[in-house]
Amino acid sequence: MKFFYLAFLLCFYPDLKIHASIPKSVTCTRTEYREEYIPGTKSNPGYVRSYEVDVEIPCGGSGGTRAQKIKDDDCTDGKIAGALLGGGVGGAISRKEGRWWAVPLGAVTGAAIGCQVDGG
């Protein structure tokens, strides 16, 4: 019966991430405004030619006045899954007298481990 609880909890979160995510290659671009002076003569005056060019920049780099870092250390999924699994394991392996502390302790420990497994 104890293993039934563990299997039941595993059904809620079957796609538990155990591996680290591989970063995707992304190309970022920025549109730059440019001007070019075309010199003239006495009979044909010069002028300024304006145009826009798309320039590749490193993603997450200093592409403007304020550089923003992409923060990818969210471990909410791992905490939830770890808490459910830890609480289930704590309840499954404890006896009647110890369940009042084993389930919460298993949930807290599982949440901490789940956050580390998820990459946080």
PDB file of N, CA and C in Angstrom:
ATOM      1  N   MET A   1       0.815  -1.186   0.000  1.00  0.00           N
ATOM      2  CA  MET A   1       0.000   0.000   0.000  1.00  0.00           C
ATOM      3  C   MET A   1       0.865   1.258   0.000  1.00  0.00           C
ATOM      4  N   LYS A   2       2.032   1.170   0.662  1.00  0.00           N
ATOM      5  CA  LYS A   2       2.899   2.336   0.722  1.00  0.00           C
ATOM      6  C   LYS A   2       3.427   2.697  -0.664  1.00  0.00           C
ATOM      7  N   PHE A   3       3.700   1.718  -1.466  1.00  0.00           N
ATOM      8  CA  PHE A   3       4.209   1.994  -2.808  1.00  0.00           C
ATOM      9  C   PHE A   3       3.121   2.527  -3.722  1.00  0.00           C
ATOM     10  N   PHE A   4       1.880   2.246  -3.386  1.00  0.00           N
ATOM     11  CA  PHE A   4       0.761   2.803  -4.152  1.00  0.00           C
ATOM     12  C   PHE A   4       0.752   4.324  -4.050  1.00  0.00           C
ATOM     13  N   TYR A   5       1.027   4.863  -2.843  1.00  0.00           N
ATOM     14  CA  TYR A   5       1.074   6.314  -2.667  1.00  0.00           C
ATOM     15  C   TYR A   5       2.181   6.938  -3.501  1.00  0.00           C
ATOM     16  N   LEU A   6       3.335   6.283  -3.514  1.00  0.00           N
ATOM     17  CA  LEU A   6       4.455   6.790  -4.299  1.00  0.00           C
ATOM     18  C   LEU A   6       4.139   6.756  -5.790  1.00  0.00           C
ATOM     19  N   ALA A   7       3.547   5.686  -6.266  1.00  0.00           N
ATOM     20  CA  ALA A   7       3.173   5.594  -7.680  1.00  0.00           C
ATOM     21  C   ALA A   7       2.090   6.605  -8.020  1.00  0.00           C
ATOM     22  N   PHE A   8       1.196   6.853  -7.093  1.00  0.00           N
ATOM     23  CA  PHE A   8       0.134   7.841  -7.301  1.00  0.00           C
ATOM     24  C   PHE A   8       0.722   9.249  -7.452  1.00  0.00           C
ATOM     25  N   LEU A   9       1.704   9.571  -6.629  1.00  0.00           N
ATOM     26  CA  LEU A   9       2.344  10.888  -6.721  1.00  0.00           C
ATOM     27  C   LEU A   9       3.152  11.032  -8.003  1.00  0.00           C
ATOM     28  N   LEU A  10       3.752   9.948  -8.462  1.00  0.00           N
ATOM     29  CA  LEU A  10       4.518  10.003  -9.709  1.00  0.00           C
ATOM     30  C   LEU A  10       3.619  10.272 -10.916  1.00  0.00           C
ATOM     31  N   CYS A  11       2.363   9.915 -10.810  1.00  0.00           N
ATOM     32  CA  CYS A  11       1.427  10.162 -11.911  1.00  0.00           C
ATOM     33  C   CYS A  11       1.148  11.651 -12.091  1.00  0.00           C
ATOM     34  N   PHE A  12       1.275  12.437 -11.013  1.00  0.00           N
ATOM     35  CA  PHE A  12       1.029  13.873 -11.124  1.00  0.00           C
ATOM     36  C   PHE A  12       2.143  14.603 -11.864  1.00  0.00           C
ATOM     37  N   TYR A  13       3.344  14.100 -11.805  1.00  0.00           N
ATOM     38  CA  TYR A  13       4.462  14.777 -12.449  1.00  0.00           C
ATOM     39  C   TYR A  13       5.334  13.744 -13.165  1.00  0.00           C
ATOM     40  N   PRO A  14       4.872  13.195 -14.299  1.00  0.00           N
ATOM     41  CA  PRO A  14       5.625  12.137 -14.964  1.00  0.00           C
ATOM     42  C   PRO A  14       6.850  12.629 -15.709  1.00  0.00           C
ATOM     43  N   ASP A  15       6.878  13.890 -16.135  1.00  0.00           N
ATOM     44  CA  ASP A  15       8.018  14.368 -16.924  1.00  0.00           C
ATOM     45  C   ASP A  15       8.978  15.160 -16.050  1.00  0.00           C
ATOM     46  N   LEU A  16       9.462  14.544 -14.992  1.00  0.00           N
ATOM     47  CA  LEU A  16      10.405  15.172 -14.080  1.00  0.00           C
ATOM     48  C   LEU A  16      11.721  15.395 -14.802  1.00  0.00           C
ATOM     49  N   LYS A  17      12.202  16.642 -14.785  1.00  0.00           N
ATOM     50  CA  LYS A  17      13.442  16.964 -15.472  1.00  0.00           C
ATOM     51  C   LYS A  17      14.615  16.562 -14.580  1.00  0.00           C
ATOM     52  N   ILE A  18      15.436  15.660 -15.069  1.00  0.00           N
ATOM     53  CA  ILE A  18      16.601  15.240 -14.319  1.00  0.00           C
ATOM     54  C   ILE A  18      17.871  15.757 -14.993  1.00  0.00           C
ATOM     55  N   HIS A  19      17.806  16.128 -16.231  1.00  0.00           N
ATOM     56  CA  HIS A  19      18.972  16.627 -16.959  1.00  0.00           C
ATOM     57  C   HIS A  19      18.924  18.140 -17.071  1.00  0.00           C
ATOM     58  N   ALA A  20      20.087  18.723 -17.245  1.00  0.00           N
ATOM     59  CA  ALA A  20      20.156  20.179 -17.404  1.00  0.00           C
ATOM     60  C   ALA A  20      19.714  20.555 -18.813  1.00  0.00           C
ATOM     61  N   SER A  21      19.094  21.700 -18.927  1.00  0.00           N
ATOM     62  CA  SER A  21      18.622  22.129 -20.234  1.00  0.00           C
ATOM     63  C   SER A  21      19.786  22.647 -21.061  1.00  0.00           C
ATOM     64  N   ILE A  22      19.763  22.335 -22.352  1.00  0.00           N
ATOM     65  CA  ILE A  22      20.807  22.752 -23.274  1.00  0.00           C
ATOM     66  C   ILE A  22      20.391  24.083 -23.875  1.00  0.00           C
ATOM     67  N   PRO A  23      21.279  25.087 -23.814  1.00  0.00           N
ATOM     68  CA  PRO A  23      20.886  26.385 -24.360  1.00  0.00           C
ATOM     69  C   PRO A  23      20.726  26.329 -25.874  1.00  0.00           C
ATOM     70  N   LYS A  24      19.735  27.045 -26.355  1.00  0.00           N
ATOM     71  CA  LYS A  24      19.466  27.086 -27.783  1.00  0.00           C
ATOM     72  C   LYS A  24      20.290  28.205 -28.411  1.00  0.00           C
ATOM     73  N   SER A  25      20.708  27.990 -29.662  1.00  0.00           N
ATOM     74  CA  SER A  25      21.446  29.047 -30.341  1.00  0.00           C
ATOM     75  C   SER A  25      20.445  30.042 -30.922  1.00  0.00           C
ATOM     76  N   VAL A  26      20.588  31.281 -30.507  1.00  0.00           N
ATOM     77  CA  VAL A  26      19.665  32.325 -30.904  1.00  0.00           C
ATOM     78  C   VAL A  26      20.487  33.474 -31.464  1.00  0.00           C
ATOM     79  N   THR A  27      20.028  34.023 -32.571  1.00  0.00           N
ATOM     80  CA  THR A  27      20.682  35.181 -33.155  1.00  0.00           C
ATOM     81  C   THR A  27      19.822  36.398 -32.892  1.00  0.00           C
ATOM     82  N   CYS A  28      20.435  37.439 -32.343  1.00  0.00           N
ATOM     83  CA  CYS A  28      19.716  38.668 -32.059  1.00  0.00           C
ATOM     84  C   CYS A  28      20.183  39.750 -33.029  1.00  0.00           C
ATOM     85  N   THR A  29      19.262  40.587 -33.438  1.00  0.00           N
ATOM     86  CA  THR A  29      19.598  41.675 -34.355  1.00  0.00           C
ATOM     87  C   THR A  29      19.098  42.995 -33.789  1.00  0.00           C
ATOM     88  N   ARG A  30      19.723  44.055 -34.268  1.00  0.00           N
ATOM     89  CA  ARG A  30      19.338  45.407 -33.900  1.00  0.00           C
ATOM     90  C   ARG A  30      19.351  46.244 -35.174  1.00  0.00           C
ATOM     91  N   THR A  31      18.369  47.092 -35.340  1.00  0.00           N
ATOM     92  CA  THR A  31      18.297  47.964 -36.513  1.00  0.00           C
ATOM     93  C   THR A  31      19.025  49.266 -36.194  1.00  0.00           C
ATOM     94  N   GLU A  32      20.023  49.592 -37.026  1.00  0.00           N
ATOM     95  CA  GLU A  32      20.792  50.814 -36.833  1.00  0.00           C
ATOM     96  C   GLU A  32      20.472  51.798 -37.954  1.00  0.00           C
ATOM     97  N   TYR A  33      20.366  53.043 -37.587  1.00  0.00           N
ATOM     98  CA  TYR A  33      20.136  54.129 -38.530  1.00  0.00           C
ATOM     99  C   TYR A  33      21.495  54.676 -38.958  1.00  0.00           C
ATOM    100  N   ARG A  34      21.702  54.816 -40.262  1.00  0.00           N
ATOM    101  CA  ARG A  34      22.976  55.326 -40.776  1.00  0.00           C
ATOM    102  C   ARG A  34      22.730  56.420 -41.801  1.00  0.00           C
ATOM    103  N   GLU A  35      23.707  57.295 -41.898  1.00  0.00           N
ATOM    104  CA  GLU A  35      23.675  58.370 -42.885  1.00  0.00           C
ATOM    105  C   GLU A  35      24.998  58.387 -43.645  1.00  0.00           C
ATOM    106  N   GLU A  36      24.908  58.744 -44.887  1.00  0.00           N
ATOM    107  CA  GLU A  36      26.104  58.833 -45.715  1.00  0.00           C
ATOM    108  C   GLU A  36      26.034  60.136 -46.516  1.00  0.00           C
ATOM    109  N   TYR A  37      27.119  60.898 -46.474  1.00  0.00           N
ATOM    110  CA  TYR A  37      27.152  62.167 -47.202  1.00  0.00           C
ATOM    111  C   TYR A  37      27.656  61.915 -48.608  1.00  0.00           C
ATOM    112  N   ILE A  38      26.894  62.347 -49.578  1.00  0.00           N
ATOM    113  CA  ILE A  38      27.275  62.256 -50.986  1.00  0.00           C
ATOM    114  C   ILE A  38      27.716  63.670 -51.408  1.00  0.00           C
ATOM    115  N   PRO A  39      29.021  63.859 -51.687  1.00  0.00           N
ATOM    116  CA  PRO A  39      29.483  65.198 -52.044  1.00  0.00           C
ATOM    117  C   PRO A  39      28.951  65.632 -53.408  1.00  0.00           C
ATOM    118  N   GLY A  40      28.850  66.905 -53.596  1.00  0.00           N
ATOM    119  CA  GLY A  40      28.307  67.447 -54.834  1.00  0.00           C
ATOM    120  C   GLY A  40      29.291  68.373 -55.537  1.00  0.00           C
ATOM    121  N   THR A  41      28.813  68.976 -56.571  1.00  0.00           N
ATOM    122  CA  THR A  41      29.581  69.961 -57.341  1.00  0.00           C
ATOM    123  C   THR A  41      28.837  71.286 -57.306  1.00  0.00           C
ATOM    124  N   LYS A  42      29.379  72.257 -58.046  1.00  0.00           N
ATOM    125  CA  LYS A  42      28.737  73.555 -58.065  1.00  0.00           C
ATOM    126  C   LYS A  42      27.362  73.481 -58.728  1.00  0.00           C
ATOM    127  N   SER A  43      27.257  72.686 -59.771  1.00  0.00           N
ATOM    128  CA  SER A  43      25.978  72.583 -60.472  1.00  0.00           C
ATOM    129  C   SER A  43      25.063  71.506 -59.870  1.00  0.00           C
ATOM    130  N   ASN A  44      25.601  70.541 -59.158  1.00  0.00           N
ATOM    131  CA  ASN A  44      24.806  69.445 -58.569  1.00  0.00           C
ATOM    132  C   ASN A  44      25.154  69.376 -57.076  1.00  0.00           C
ATOM    133  N   PRO A  45      24.358  69.969 -56.190  1.00  0.00           N
ATOM    134  CA  PRO A  45      24.732  70.023 -54.772  1.00  0.00           C
ATOM    135  C   PRO A  45      24.731  68.640 -54.118  1.00  0.00           C
ATOM    136  N   GLY A  46      25.517  68.503 -53.053  1.00  0.00           N
ATOM    137  CA  GLY A  46      25.593  67.249 -52.310  1.00  0.00           C
ATOM    138  C   GLY A  46      24.348  67.021 -51.469  1.00  0.00           C
ATOM    139  N   TYR A  47      24.233  65.812 -50.988  1.00  0.00           N
ATOM    140  CA  TYR A  47      23.061  65.463 -50.183  1.00  0.00           C
ATOM    141  C   TYR A  47      23.439  64.365 -49.190  1.00  0.00           C
ATOM    142  N   VAL A  48      22.533  64.114 -48.251  1.00  0.00           N
ATOM    143  CA  VAL A  48      22.726  63.073 -47.245  1.00  0.00           C
ATOM    144  C   VAL A  48      21.760  61.938 -47.546  1.00  0.00           C
ATOM    145  N   ARG A  49      22.321  60.739 -47.679  1.00  0.00           N
ATOM    146  CA  ARG A  49      21.498  59.542 -47.918  1.00  0.00           C
ATOM    147  C   ARG A  49      21.346  58.821 -46.580  1.00  0.00           C
ATOM    148  N   SER A  50      20.120  58.543 -46.192  1.00  0.00           N
ATOM    149  CA  SER A  50      19.868  57.844 -44.928  1.00  0.00           C
ATOM    150  C   SER A  50      19.268  56.474 -45.218  1.00  0.00           C
ATOM    151  N   TYR A  51      19.658  55.501 -44.369  1.00  0.00           N
ATOM    152  CA  TYR A  51      19.158  54.134 -44.530  1.00  0.00           C
ATOM    153  C   TYR A  51      19.282  53.412 -43.194  1.00  0.00           C
ATOM    154  N   GLU A  52      18.640  52.242 -43.111  1.00  0.00           N
ATOM    155  CA  GLU A  52      18.686  51.419 -41.902  1.00  0.00           C
ATOM    156  C   GLU A  52      19.296  50.067 -42.238  1.00  0.00           C
ATOM    157  N   VAL A  53      20.098  49.533 -41.312  1.00  0.00           N
ATOM    158  CA  VAL A  53      20.794  48.265 -41.509  1.00  0.00           C
ATOM    159  C   VAL A  53      20.523  47.379 -40.300  1.00  0.00           C
ATOM    160  N   ASP A  54      20.249  46.097 -40.540  1.00  0.00           N
ATOM    161  CA  ASP A  54      20.105  45.128 -39.454  1.00  0.00           C
ATOM    162  C   ASP A  54      21.493  44.581 -39.114  1.00  0.00           C
ATOM    163  N   VAL A  55      21.893  44.703 -37.835  1.00  0.00           N
ATOM    164  CA  VAL A  55      23.213  44.286 -37.378  1.00  0.00           C
ATOM    165  C   VAL A  55      23.040  43.178 -36.355  1.00  0.00           C
ATOM    166  N   GLU A  56      23.836  42.093 -36.475  1.00  0.00           N
ATOM    167  CA  GLU A  56      23.795  41.005 -35.495  1.00  0.00           C
ATOM    168  C   GLU A  56      24.540  41.437 -34.247  1.00  0.00           C
ATOM    169  N   ILE A  57      23.938  41.164 -33.091  1.00  0.00           N
ATOM    170  CA  ILE A  57      24.561  41.465 -31.813  1.00  0.00           C
ATOM    171  C   ILE A  57      24.491  40.231 -30.937  1.00  0.00           C
ATOM    172  N   PRO A  58      25.364  40.099 -29.956  1.00  0.00           N
ATOM    173  CA  PRO A  58      25.264  38.959 -29.041  1.00  0.00           C
ATOM    174  C   PRO A  58      24.014  39.092 -28.173  1.00  0.00           C
ATOM    175  N   CYS A  59      23.300  38.009 -28.043  1.00  0.00           N
ATOM    176  CA  CYS A  59      22.062  38.030 -27.258  1.00  0.00           C
ATOM    177  C   CYS A  59      22.396  38.184 -25.779  1.00  0.00           C
ATOM    178  N   GLY A  60      21.646  39.039 -25.108  1.00  0.00           N
ATOM    179  CA  GLY A  60      21.873  39.282 -23.691  1.00  0.00           C
ATOM    180  C   GLY A  60      23.039  40.211 -23.440  1.00  0.00           C
ATOM    181  N   GLY A  61      23.698  40.658 -24.480  1.00  0.00           N
ATOM    182  CA  GLY A  61      24.834  41.563 -24.331  1.00  0.00           C
ATOM    183  C   GLY A  61      24.378  42.997 -24.231  1.00  0.00           C
ATOM    184  N   SER A  62      25.332  43.909 -24.338  1.00  0.00           N
ATOM    185  CA  SER A  62      25.005  45.328 -24.244  1.00  0.00           C
ATOM    186  C   SER A  62      24.536  45.811 -25.599  1.00  0.00           C
ATOM    187  N   GLY A  63      23.274  45.627 -25.873  1.00  0.00           N
ATOM    188  CA  GLY A  63      22.721  46.012 -27.156  1.00  0.00           C
ATOM    189  C   GLY A  63      22.055  47.357 -27.134  1.00  0.00           C
ATOM    190  N   GLY A  64      21.976  47.998 -26.021  1.00  0.00           N
ATOM    191  CA  GLY A  64      21.309  49.285 -25.947  1.00  0.00           C
ATOM    192  C   GLY A  64      21.815  50.063 -24.759  1.00  0.00           C
ATOM    193  N   THR A  65      20.983  50.949 -24.270  1.00  0.00           N
ATOM    194  CA  THR A  65      21.400  51.762 -23.128  1.00  0.00           C
ATOM    195  C   THR A  65      21.401  50.953 -21.838  1.00  0.00           C
ATOM    196  N   ARG A  66      20.533  49.969 -21.747  1.00  0.00           N
ATOM    197  CA  ARG A  66      20.435  49.170 -20.529  1.00  0.00           C
ATOM    198  C   ARG A  66      20.501  47.700 -20.904  1.00  0.00           C
ATOM    199  N   ALA A  67      21.542  47.009 -20.468  1.00  0.00           N
ATOM    200  CA  ALA A  67      21.696  45.590 -20.754  1.00  0.00           C
ATOM    201  C   ALA A  67      20.895  44.783 -19.744  1.00  0.00           C
ATOM    202  N   GLN A  68      20.097  43.845 -20.238  1.00  0.00           N
ATOM    203  CA  GLN A  68      19.297  43.002 -19.362  1.00  0.00           C
ATOM    204  C   GLN A  68      19.818  41.575 -19.465  1.00  0.00           C
ATOM    205  N   LYS A  69      20.077  40.984 -18.318  1.00  0.00           N
ATOM    206  CA  LYS A  69      20.500  39.596 -18.292  1.00  0.00           C
ATOM    207  C   LYS A  69      19.280  38.709 -18.306  1.00  0.00           C
ATOM    208  N   ILE A  70      19.391  37.598 -19.028  1.00  0.00           N
ATOM    209  CA  ILE A  70      18.312  36.616 -19.044  1.00  0.00           C
ATOM    210  C   ILE A  70      18.513  35.720 -17.833  1.00  0.00           C
ATOM    211  N   LYS A  71      17.555  35.748 -16.944  1.00  0.00           N
ATOM    212  CA  LYS A  71      17.658  34.976 -15.717  1.00  0.00           C
ATOM    213  C   LYS A  71      16.927  33.657 -15.910  1.00  0.00           C
ATOM    214  N   ASP A  72      17.706  32.582 -15.854  1.00  0.00           N
ATOM    215  CA  ASP A  72      17.136  31.265 -16.131  1.00  0.00           C
ATOM    216  C   ASP A  72      17.401  30.322 -14.966  1.00  0.00           C
ATOM    217  N   ASP A  73      17.134  30.779 -13.756  1.00  0.00           N
ATOM    218  CA  ASP A  73      17.337  29.908 -12.611  1.00  0.00           C
ATOM    219  C   ASP A  73      16.044  29.676 -11.841  1.00  0.00           C
ATOM    220  N   ASP A  74      14.942  29.645 -12.562  1.00  0.00           N
ATOM    221  CA  ASP A  74      13.651  29.385 -11.941  1.00  0.00           C
ATOM    222  C   ASP A  74      13.525  27.888 -11.698  1.00  0.00           C
ATOM    223  N   CYS A  75      13.267  27.501 -10.461  1.00  0.00           N
ATOM    224  CA  CYS A  75      13.186  26.072 -10.144  1.00  0.00           C
ATOM    225  C   CYS A  75      11.835  25.717  -9.545  1.00  0.00           C
ATOM    226  N   THR A  76      10.783  26.406  -9.970  1.00  0.00           N
ATOM    227  CA  THR A  76       9.457  26.169  -9.411  1.00  0.00           C
ATOM    228  C   THR A  76       8.977  24.751  -9.702  1.00  0.00           C
ATOM    229  N   ASP A  77       9.179  24.282 -10.939  1.00  0.00           N
ATOM    230  CA  ASP A  77       8.738  22.925 -11.287  1.00  0.00           C
ATOM    231  C   ASP A  77       9.446  21.883 -10.435  1.00  0.00           C
ATOM    232  N   GLY A  78      10.740  22.053 -10.240  1.00  0.00           N
ATOM    233  CA  GLY A  78      11.498  21.100  -9.441  1.00  0.00           C
ATOM    234  C   GLY A  78      11.092  21.102  -7.982  1.00  0.00           C
ATOM    235  N   LYS A  79      10.766  22.286  -7.460  1.00  0.00           N
ATOM    236  CA  LYS A  79      10.337  22.361  -6.062  1.00  0.00           C
ATOM    237  C   LYS A  79       9.006  21.648  -5.855  1.00  0.00           C
ATOM    238  N   ILE A  80       8.084  21.863  -6.766  1.00  0.00           N
ATOM    239  CA  ILE A  80       6.763  21.242  -6.625  1.00  0.00           C
ATOM    240  C   ILE A  80       6.871  19.725  -6.731  1.00  0.00           C
ATOM    241  N   ALA A  81       7.598  19.270  -7.760  1.00  0.00           N
ATOM    242  CA  ALA A  81       7.741  17.825  -7.938  1.00  0.00           C
ATOM    243  C   ALA A  81       8.496  17.194  -6.778  1.00  0.00           C
ATOM    244  N   GLY A  82       9.564  17.855  -6.328  1.00  0.00           N
ATOM    245  CA  GLY A  82      10.342  17.326  -5.212  1.00  0.00           C
ATOM    246  C   GLY A  82       9.548  17.274  -3.923  1.00  0.00           C
ATOM    247  N   ALA A  83       8.727  18.298  -3.678  1.00  0.00           N
ATOM    248  CA  ALA A  83       7.912  18.308  -2.467  1.00  0.00           C
ATOM    249  C   ALA A  83       6.886  17.186  -2.491  1.00  0.00           C
ATOM    250  N   LEU A  84       6.254  16.990  -3.648  1.00  0.00           N
ATOM    251  CA  LEU A  84       5.277  15.893  -3.738  1.00  0.00           C
ATOM    252  C   LEU A  84       5.942  14.534  -3.557  1.00  0.00           C
ATOM    253  N   LEU A  85       7.068  14.338  -4.246  1.00  0.00           N
ATOM    254  CA  LEU A  85       7.756  13.052  -4.126  1.00  0.00           C
ATOM    255  C   LEU A  85       8.329  12.854  -2.723  1.00  0.00           C
ATOM    256  N   GLY A  86       8.929  13.903  -2.154  1.00  0.00           N
ATOM    257  CA  GLY A  86       9.500  13.778  -0.818  1.00  0.00           C
ATOM    258  C   GLY A  86       8.445  13.517   0.242  1.00  0.00           C
ATOM    259  N   GLY A  87       7.317  14.227   0.143  1.00  0.00           N
ATOM    260  CA  GLY A  87       6.228  13.971   1.089  1.00  0.00           C
ATOM    261  C   GLY A  87       5.658  12.574   0.930  1.00  0.00           C
ATOM    262  N   GLY A  88       5.555  12.121  -0.317  1.00  0.00           N
ATOM    263  CA  GLY A  88       5.066  10.759  -0.553  1.00  0.00           C
ATOM    264  C   GLY A  88       6.009   9.710  -0.016  1.00  0.00           C
ATOM    265  N   VAL A  89       7.302   9.907  -0.227  1.00  0.00           N
ATOM    266  CA  VAL A  89       8.281   8.949   0.299  1.00  0.00           C
ATOM    267  C   VAL A  89       8.291   8.989   1.825  1.00  0.00           C
ATOM    268  N   GLY A  90       8.229  10.196   2.397  1.00  0.00           N
ATOM    269  CA  GLY A  90       8.195  10.298   3.860  1.00  0.00           C
ATOM    270  C   GLY A  90       6.978   9.614   4.448  1.00  0.00           C
ATOM    271  N   GLY A  91       5.837   9.757   3.793  1.00  0.00           N
ATOM    272  CA  GLY A  91       4.633   9.089   4.277  1.00  0.00           C
ATOM    273  C   GLY A  91       4.665   7.588   4.054  1.00  0.00           C
ATOM    274  N   ALA A  92       5.316   7.162   2.966  1.00  0.00           N
ATOM    275  CA  ALA A  92       5.347   5.735   2.647  1.00  0.00           C
ATOM    276  C   ALA A  92       6.276   4.949   3.561  1.00  0.00           C
ATOM    277  N   ILE A  93       7.385   5.545   3.968  1.00  0.00           N
ATOM    278  CA  ILE A  93       8.346   4.775   4.766  1.00  0.00           C
ATOM    279  C   ILE A  93       8.201   4.999   6.271  1.00  0.00           C
ATOM    280  N   SER A  94       7.306   5.882   6.690  1.00  0.00           N
ATOM    281  CA  SER A  94       7.155   6.136   8.124  1.00  0.00           C
ATOM    282  C   SER A  94       6.037   5.273   8.708  1.00  0.00           C
ATOM    283  N   ARG A  95       6.055   5.189  10.029  1.00  0.00           N
ATOM    284  CA  ARG A  95       5.014   4.462  10.744  1.00  0.00           C
ATOM    285  C   ARG A  95       3.991   5.462  11.259  1.00  0.00           C
ATOM    286  N   LYS A  96       2.940   4.977  11.869  1.00  0.00           N
ATOM    287  CA  LYS A  96       1.850   5.841  12.317  1.00  0.00           C
ATOM    288  C   LYS A  96       2.315   6.948  13.260  1.00  0.00           C
ATOM    289  N   GLU A  97       3.212   6.628  14.184  1.00  0.00           N
ATOM    290  CA  GLU A  97       3.622   7.621  15.170  1.00  0.00           C
ATOM    291  C   GLU A  97       4.489   8.713  14.560  1.00  0.00           C
ATOM    292  N   GLY A  98       5.190   8.418  13.482  1.00  0.00           N
ATOM    293  CA  GLY A  98       6.146   9.376  12.940  1.00  0.00           C
ATOM    294  C   GLY A  98       5.686  10.139  11.715  1.00  0.00           C
ATOM    295  N   ARG A  99       4.469   9.912  11.295  1.00  0.00           N
ATOM    296  CA  ARG A  99       4.019  10.590  10.073  1.00  0.00           C
ATOM    297  C   ARG A  99       3.858  12.089  10.253  1.00  0.00           C
ATOM    298  N   TRP A 100       3.588  12.556  11.440  1.00  0.00           N
ATOM    299  CA  TRP A 100       3.365  13.981  11.662  1.00  0.00           C
ATOM    300  C   TRP A 100       4.620  14.799  11.388  1.00  0.00           C
ATOM    301  N   TRP A 101       5.798  14.195  11.496  1.00  0.00           N
ATOM    302  CA  TRP A 101       7.018  14.920  11.169  1.00  0.00           C
ATOM    303  C   TRP A 101       7.685  14.407   9.895  1.00  0.00           C
ATOM    304  N   ALA A 102       7.437  13.153   9.505  1.00  0.00           N
ATOM    305  CA  ALA A 102       8.127  12.577   8.346  1.00  0.00           C
ATOM    306  C   ALA A 102       7.611  13.153   7.024  1.00  0.00           C
ATOM    307  N   VAL A 103       6.310  13.375   6.917  1.00  0.00           N
ATOM    308  CA  VAL A 103       5.754  13.909   5.667  1.00  0.00           C
ATOM    309  C   VAL A 103       6.215  15.352   5.425  1.00  0.00           C
ATOM    310  N   PRO A 104       6.110  16.262   6.408  1.00  0.00           N
ATOM    311  CA  PRO A 104       6.617  17.618   6.153  1.00  0.00           C
ATOM    312  C   PRO A 104       8.128  17.669   5.924  1.00  0.00           C
ATOM    313  N   LEU A 105       8.882  16.861   6.678  1.00  0.00           N
ATOM    314  CA  LEU A 105      10.325  16.835   6.487  1.00  0.00           C
ATOM    315  C   LEU A 105      10.680  16.303   5.101  1.00  0.00           C
ATOM    316  N   GLY A 106       9.980  15.275   4.664  1.00  0.00           N
ATOM    317  CA  GLY A 106      10.207  14.751   3.313  1.00  0.00           C
ATOM    318  C   GLY A 106       9.846  15.761   2.244  1.00  0.00           C
ATOM    319  N   ALA A 107       8.776  16.530   2.470  1.00  0.00           N
ATOM    320  CA  ALA A 107       8.369  17.537   1.488  1.00  0.00           C
ATOM    321  C   ALA A 107       9.398  18.655   1.398  1.00  0.00           C
ATOM    322  N   VAL A 108       9.903  19.128   2.531  1.00  0.00           N
ATOM    323  CA  VAL A 108      10.899  20.206   2.519  1.00  0.00           C
ATOM    324  C   VAL A 108      12.209  19.721   1.898  1.00  0.00           C
ATOM    325  N   THR A 109      12.650  18.542   2.277  1.00  0.00           N
ATOM    326  CA  THR A 109      13.881  17.991   1.714  1.00  0.00           C
ATOM    327  C   THR A 109      13.721  17.728   0.219  1.00  0.00           C
ATOM    328  N   GLY A 110      12.587  17.192  -0.163  1.00  0.00           N
ATOM    329  CA  GLY A 110      12.334  16.943  -1.590  1.00  0.00           C
ATOM    330  C   GLY A 110      12.283  18.220  -2.399  1.00  0.00           C
ATOM    331  N   ALA A 111      11.732  19.290  -1.831  1.00  0.00           N
ATOM    332  CA  ALA A 111      11.688  20.573  -2.534  1.00  0.00           C
ATOM    333  C   ALA A 111      13.091  21.127  -2.752  1.00  0.00           C
ATOM    334  N   ALA A 112      13.948  21.004  -1.745  1.00  0.00           N
ATOM    335  CA  ALA A 112      15.321  21.484  -1.881  1.00  0.00           C
ATOM    336  C   ALA A 112      16.093  20.674  -2.930  1.00  0.00           C
ATOM    337  N   ILE A 113      15.936  19.360  -2.900  1.00  0.00           N
ATOM    338  CA  ILE A 113      16.615  18.517  -3.885  1.00  0.00           C
ATOM    339  C   ILE A 113      16.035  18.746  -5.266  1.00  0.00           C
ATOM    340  N   GLY A 114      14.730  18.883  -5.366  1.00  0.00           N
ATOM    341  CA  GLY A 114      14.088  19.117  -6.659  1.00  0.00           C
ATOM    342  C   GLY A 114      14.519  20.418  -7.294  1.00  0.00           C
ATOM    343  N   CYS A 115      14.725  21.447  -6.478  1.00  0.00           N
ATOM    344  CA  CYS A 115      15.191  22.731  -7.008  1.00  0.00           C
ATOM    345  C   CYS A 115      16.604  22.591  -7.572  1.00  0.00           C
ATOM    346  N   GLN A 116      17.457  21.843  -6.906  1.00  0.00           N
ATOM    347  CA  GLN A 116      18.817  21.638  -7.406  1.00  0.00           C
ATOM    348  C   GLN A 116      18.837  20.801  -8.676  1.00  0.00           C
ATOM    349  N   VAL A 117      17.967  19.800  -8.759  1.00  0.00           N
ATOM    350  CA  VAL A 117      17.903  18.966  -9.959  1.00  0.00           C
ATOM    351  C   VAL A 117      17.373  19.771 -11.155  1.00  0.00           C
ATOM    352  N   ASP A 118      16.460  20.700 -10.881  1.00  0.00           N
ATOM    353  CA  ASP A 118      15.858  21.498 -11.945  1.00  0.00           C
ATOM    354  C   ASP A 118      16.771  22.625 -12.435  1.00  0.00           C
ATOM    355  N   GLY A 119      17.882  22.832 -11.781  1.00  0.00           N
ATOM    356  CA  GLY A 119      18.827  23.828 -12.264  1.00  0.00           C
ATOM    357  C   GLY A 119      18.797  25.133 -11.530  1.00  0.00           C
ATOM    358  N   GLY A 120      18.262  25.186 -10.343  1.00  0.00           N
ATOM    359  CA  GLY A 120      18.196  26.435  -9.604  1.00  0.00           C
ATOM    360  C   GLY A 120      19.311  26.530  -8.664  1.00  0.00           C
TER     361      GLY A 120
END
